[in-house]
C-alpha atoms as a PDB file:
ATOM      1  CA  GLY A   1       0.000   0.000   0.000  1.00  0.00           C
ATOM      2  CA  VAL A   2       0.847   3.679  -0.085  1.00  0.00           C
ATOM      3  CA  ASN A   3       2.428   5.167   2.988  1.00  0.00           C
ATOM      4  CA  PRO A   4       0.206   8.211   3.772  1.00  0.00           C
ATOM      5  CA  TRP A   5       3.227  10.071   5.115  1.00  0.00           C
ATOM      6  CA  ARG A   6       4.910   9.838   1.708  1.00  0.00           C
ATOM      7  CA  ALA A   7       1.886  10.337  -0.568  1.00  0.00           C
ATOM      8  CA  GLY A   8       2.654  14.008  -1.227  1.00  0.00           C
ATOM      9  CA  PHE A   9       3.315  17.284   0.406  1.00  0.00           C
ATOM     10  CA  VAL A  10       2.019  20.800   0.677  1.00  0.00           C
ATOM     11  CA  ARG A  11       4.491  23.618   0.857  1.00  0.00           C
ATOM     12  CA  LEU A  12       3.455  26.661   2.844  1.00  0.00           C
ATOM     13  CA  THR A  13       5.288  29.894   2.310  1.00  0.00           C
ATOM     14  CA  ASP A  14       4.933  33.502   3.311  1.00  0.00           C
ATOM     15  CA  THR A  15       6.387  34.676  -0.008  1.00  0.00           C
ATOM     16  CA  LEU A  16       4.367  37.481  -1.580  1.00  0.00           C
ATOM     17  CA  TYR A  17       4.447  36.979  -5.331  1.00  0.00           C
ATOM     18  CA  PRO A  18       4.210  39.983  -7.685  1.00  0.00           C
ATOM     19  CA  LEU A  19       0.796  41.370  -8.533  1.00  0.00           C
ATOM     20  CA  SER A  20      -0.054  40.481 -12.125  1.00  0.00           C
ATOM     21  CA  ARG A  21      -3.800  41.019 -12.626  1.00  0.00           C
ATOM     22  CA  ILE A  22      -6.488  43.359 -11.363  1.00  0.00           C
ATOM     23  CA  GLU A  23     -10.185  42.712 -12.051  1.00  0.00           C
ATOM     24  CA  VAL A  24     -12.703  45.543 -11.729  1.00  0.00           C
ATOM     25  CA  HIS A  25     -16.407  44.770 -11.237  1.00  0.00           C
ATOM     26  CA  VAL A  26     -18.993  47.560 -11.179  1.00  0.00           C
ATOM     27  CA  GLY A  27     -22.361  46.826  -9.567  1.00  0.00           C
ATOM     28  CA  GLY A  28     -25.557  47.241 -11.565  1.00  0.00           C
ATOM     29  CA  ASP A  29     -26.384  47.388 -15.265  1.00  0.00           C
ATOM     30  CA  ARG A  30     -27.644  50.950 -15.435  1.00  0.00           C
ATOM     31  CA  HIS A  31     -25.911  53.912 -13.917  1.00  0.00           C
ATOM     32  CA  ARG A  32     -27.810  57.099 -13.150  1.00  0.00           C
ATOM     33  CA  ALA A  33     -26.077  60.443 -13.126  1.00  0.00           C
ATOM     34  CA  ASP A  34     -28.055  61.883 -10.219  1.00  0.00           C
ATOM     35  CA  GLY A  35     -25.256  62.700  -7.789  1.00  0.00           C
ATOM     36  CA  ILE A  36     -26.809  60.616  -4.993  1.00  0.00           C
ATOM     37  CA  SER A  37     -26.927  56.975  -6.144  1.00  0.00           C
ATOM     38  CA  PRO A  38     -24.171  54.734  -4.763  1.00  0.00           C
ATOM     39  CA  VAL A  39     -21.605  53.249  -7.111  1.00  0.00           C
ATOM     40  CA  VAL A  40     -20.102  50.031  -5.738  1.00  0.00           C
ATOM     41  CA  ILE A  41     -16.829  48.863  -7.254  1.00  0.00           C
ATOM     42  CA  ILE A  42     -15.367  45.478  -6.358  1.00  0.00           C
ATOM     43  CA  VAL A  43     -11.692  44.991  -7.121  1.00  0.00           C
ATOM     44  CA  CYS A  44      -9.953  41.591  -7.020  1.00  0.00           C
ATOM     45  CA  VAL A  45      -6.196  41.170  -7.444  1.00  0.00           C
ATOM     46  CA  TYR A  46      -4.135  38.119  -8.335  1.00  0.00           C
ATOM     47  CA  ASP A  47      -0.447  37.271  -8.105  1.00  0.00           C
ATOM     48  CA  SER A  48       1.817  35.955 -10.855  1.00  0.00           C
ATOM     49  CA  HIS A  49       0.633  32.388 -10.115  1.00  0.00           C
ATOM     50  CA  GLY A  50      -3.070  33.292 -10.450  1.00  0.00           C
ATOM     51  CA  ASN A  51      -3.727  33.168  -6.709  1.00  0.00           C
ATOM     52  CA  PRO A  52      -5.729  35.864  -4.888  1.00  0.00           C
ATOM     53  CA  ARG A  53      -3.356  38.405  -3.341  1.00  0.00           C
ATOM     54  CA  PRO A  54      -4.543  39.356   0.162  1.00  0.00           C
ATOM     55  CA  TYR A  55      -3.875  42.578   2.057  1.00  0.00           C
ATOM     56  CA  THR A  56      -2.795  44.562  -1.016  1.00  0.00           C
ATOM     57  CA  PRO A  57      -3.218  48.361  -0.872  1.00  0.00           C
ATOM     58  CA  LEU A  58      -4.952  49.865  -3.916  1.00  0.00           C
ATOM     59  CA  SER A  59      -5.928  53.298  -5.113  1.00  0.00           C
ATOM     60  CA  VAL A  60      -9.397  53.498  -6.719  1.00  0.00           C
ATOM     61  CA  SER A  61     -10.694  56.613  -8.463  1.00  0.00           C
ATOM     62  CA  LEU A  62     -13.872  57.489 -10.354  1.00  0.00           C
ATOM     63  CA  GLY A  63     -13.443  59.891 -13.240  1.00  0.00           C
ATOM     64  CA  GLY A  64     -11.078  62.127 -11.326  1.00  0.00           C
ATOM     65  CA  LEU A  65     -14.037  63.142  -9.152  1.00  0.00           C
ATOM     66  CA  ALA A  66     -13.097  61.098  -6.104  1.00  0.00           C
ATOM     67  CA  GLN A  67     -10.362  58.735  -4.975  1.00  0.00           C
ATOM     68  CA  VAL A  68     -10.161  56.235  -2.114  1.00  0.00           C
ATOM     69  CA  GLU A  69      -7.461  53.961  -0.777  1.00  0.00           C
ATOM     70  CA  VAL A  70      -8.535  50.385  -0.013  1.00  0.00           C
ATOM     71  CA  VAL A  71      -6.833  47.160   1.087  1.00  0.00           C
ATOM     72  CA  THR A  72      -7.857  43.740  -0.206  1.00  0.00           C
ATOM     73  CA  ASP A  73      -9.202  41.179   2.231  1.00  0.00           C
ATOM     74  CA  GLN A  74      -7.882  37.639   2.764  1.00  0.00           C
ATOM     75  CA  TRP A  75      -9.477  36.582  -0.558  1.00  0.00           C
ATOM     76  CA  GLY A  76      -7.762  39.352  -2.519  1.00  0.00           C
ATOM     77  CA  CYS A  77     -10.853  41.537  -2.994  1.00  0.00           C
ATOM     78  CA  ALA A  78     -11.748  45.037  -1.851  1.00  0.00           C
ATOM     79  CA  ARG A  79     -14.854  47.219  -2.062  1.00  0.00           C
ATOM     80  CA  ALA A  80     -14.936  50.911  -2.905  1.00  0.00           C
ATOM     81  CA  GLN A  81     -18.086  53.023  -2.860  1.00  0.00           C
ATOM     82  CA  PHE A  82     -18.669  56.408  -4.460  1.00  0.00           C
ATOM     83  CA  LEU A  83     -21.634  58.644  -5.185  1.00  0.00           C
ATOM     84  CA  SER A  84     -22.620  58.757  -8.841  1.00  0.00           C
ATOM     85  CA  PRO A  85     -21.624  61.830 -10.835  1.00  0.00           C
ATOM     86  CA  GLY A  86     -24.246  64.552 -11.200  1.00  0.00           C
ATOM     87  CA  THR A  87     -23.745  64.887 -14.959  1.00  0.00           C
ATOM     88  CA  ALA A  88     -24.352  62.293 -17.678  1.00  0.00           C
ATOM     89  CA  GLY A  89     -21.303  61.031 -19.540  1.00  0.00           C
ATOM     90  CA  THR A  90     -18.599  58.403 -19.522  1.00  0.00           C
ATOM     91  CA  TYR A  91     -16.379  58.208 -16.464  1.00  0.00           C
ATOM     92  CA  THR A  92     -13.275  56.096 -15.966  1.00  0.00           C
ATOM     93  CA  VAL A  93     -12.704  53.865 -12.945  1.00  0.00           C
ATOM     94  CA  ARG A  94      -8.961  53.654 -12.373  1.00  0.00           C
ATOM     95  CA  VAL A  95      -7.403  51.103 -10.030  1.00  0.00           C
ATOM     96  CA  SER A  96      -3.682  51.088  -9.335  1.00  0.00           C
ATOM     97  CA  HIS A  97      -1.026  49.394  -7.257  1.00  0.00           C
ATOM     98  CA  GLY A  98       2.457  50.647  -8.043  1.00  0.00           C
ATOM     99  CA  ASP A  99       2.936  50.421 -11.797  1.00  0.00           C
ATOM    100  CA  VAL A 100       0.006  48.010 -12.327  1.00  0.00           C
ATOM    101  CA  ILE A 101      -2.955  50.115 -13.497  1.00  0.00           C
ATOM    102  CA  VAL A 102      -6.361  49.047 -14.815  1.00  0.00           C
ATOM    103  CA  SER A 103      -9.028  51.369 -16.212  1.00  0.00           C
ATOM    104  CA  ARG A 104     -12.664  50.722 -17.038  1.00  0.00           C
ATOM    105  CA  ASP A 105     -15.226  53.130 -18.456  1.00  0.00           C
ATOM    106  CA  ILE A 106     -18.724  53.463 -17.029  1.00  0.00           C
ATOM    107  CA  ALA A 107     -21.504  55.296 -18.892  1.00  0.00           C
ATOM    108  CA  TYR A 108     -23.874  57.397 -16.795  1.00  0.00           C
ATOM    109  CA  SER A 109     -27.209  58.471 -18.205  1.00  0.00           C
ATOM    110  CA  ALA A 110     -29.328  61.450 -17.272  1.00  0.00           C
ATOM    111  CA  CYS A 111     -32.203  60.857 -14.906  1.00  0.00           C
ATOM    112  CA  VAL A 112     -35.738  61.323 -16.086  1.00  0.00           C
ATOM    113  CA  HIS A 113     -38.273  61.972 -13.337  1.00  0.00           C
ATOM    114  CA  VAL A 114     -41.898  61.208 -14.129  1.00  0.00           C
ATOM    115  CA  TRP A 115     -44.345  62.909 -11.830  1.00  0.00           C
END
């Protein structure tokens, strides 16, 4: 039979591998430019081996209107929340960590109130 003590091994390390990928997820399908609706941005980062990279500081900005600093959790994800812009148009979400930068455009439409 197979000796369970020799069947394989798992190597644990505290090595922090380089950041190689940032994913940006924006909540909702429609974005209203009303200046009061929340915009939730989820950012997930991965190392050079494709593993989630925990406790990584990131800078997240929305169209140059606002910027926040966040730190990923133990699963390599962080949440940033902004208020929507007050003017319709396309705004860029920019996420950066050192020289790794990812941008994503979000279109905001004007609000139509029906009374």
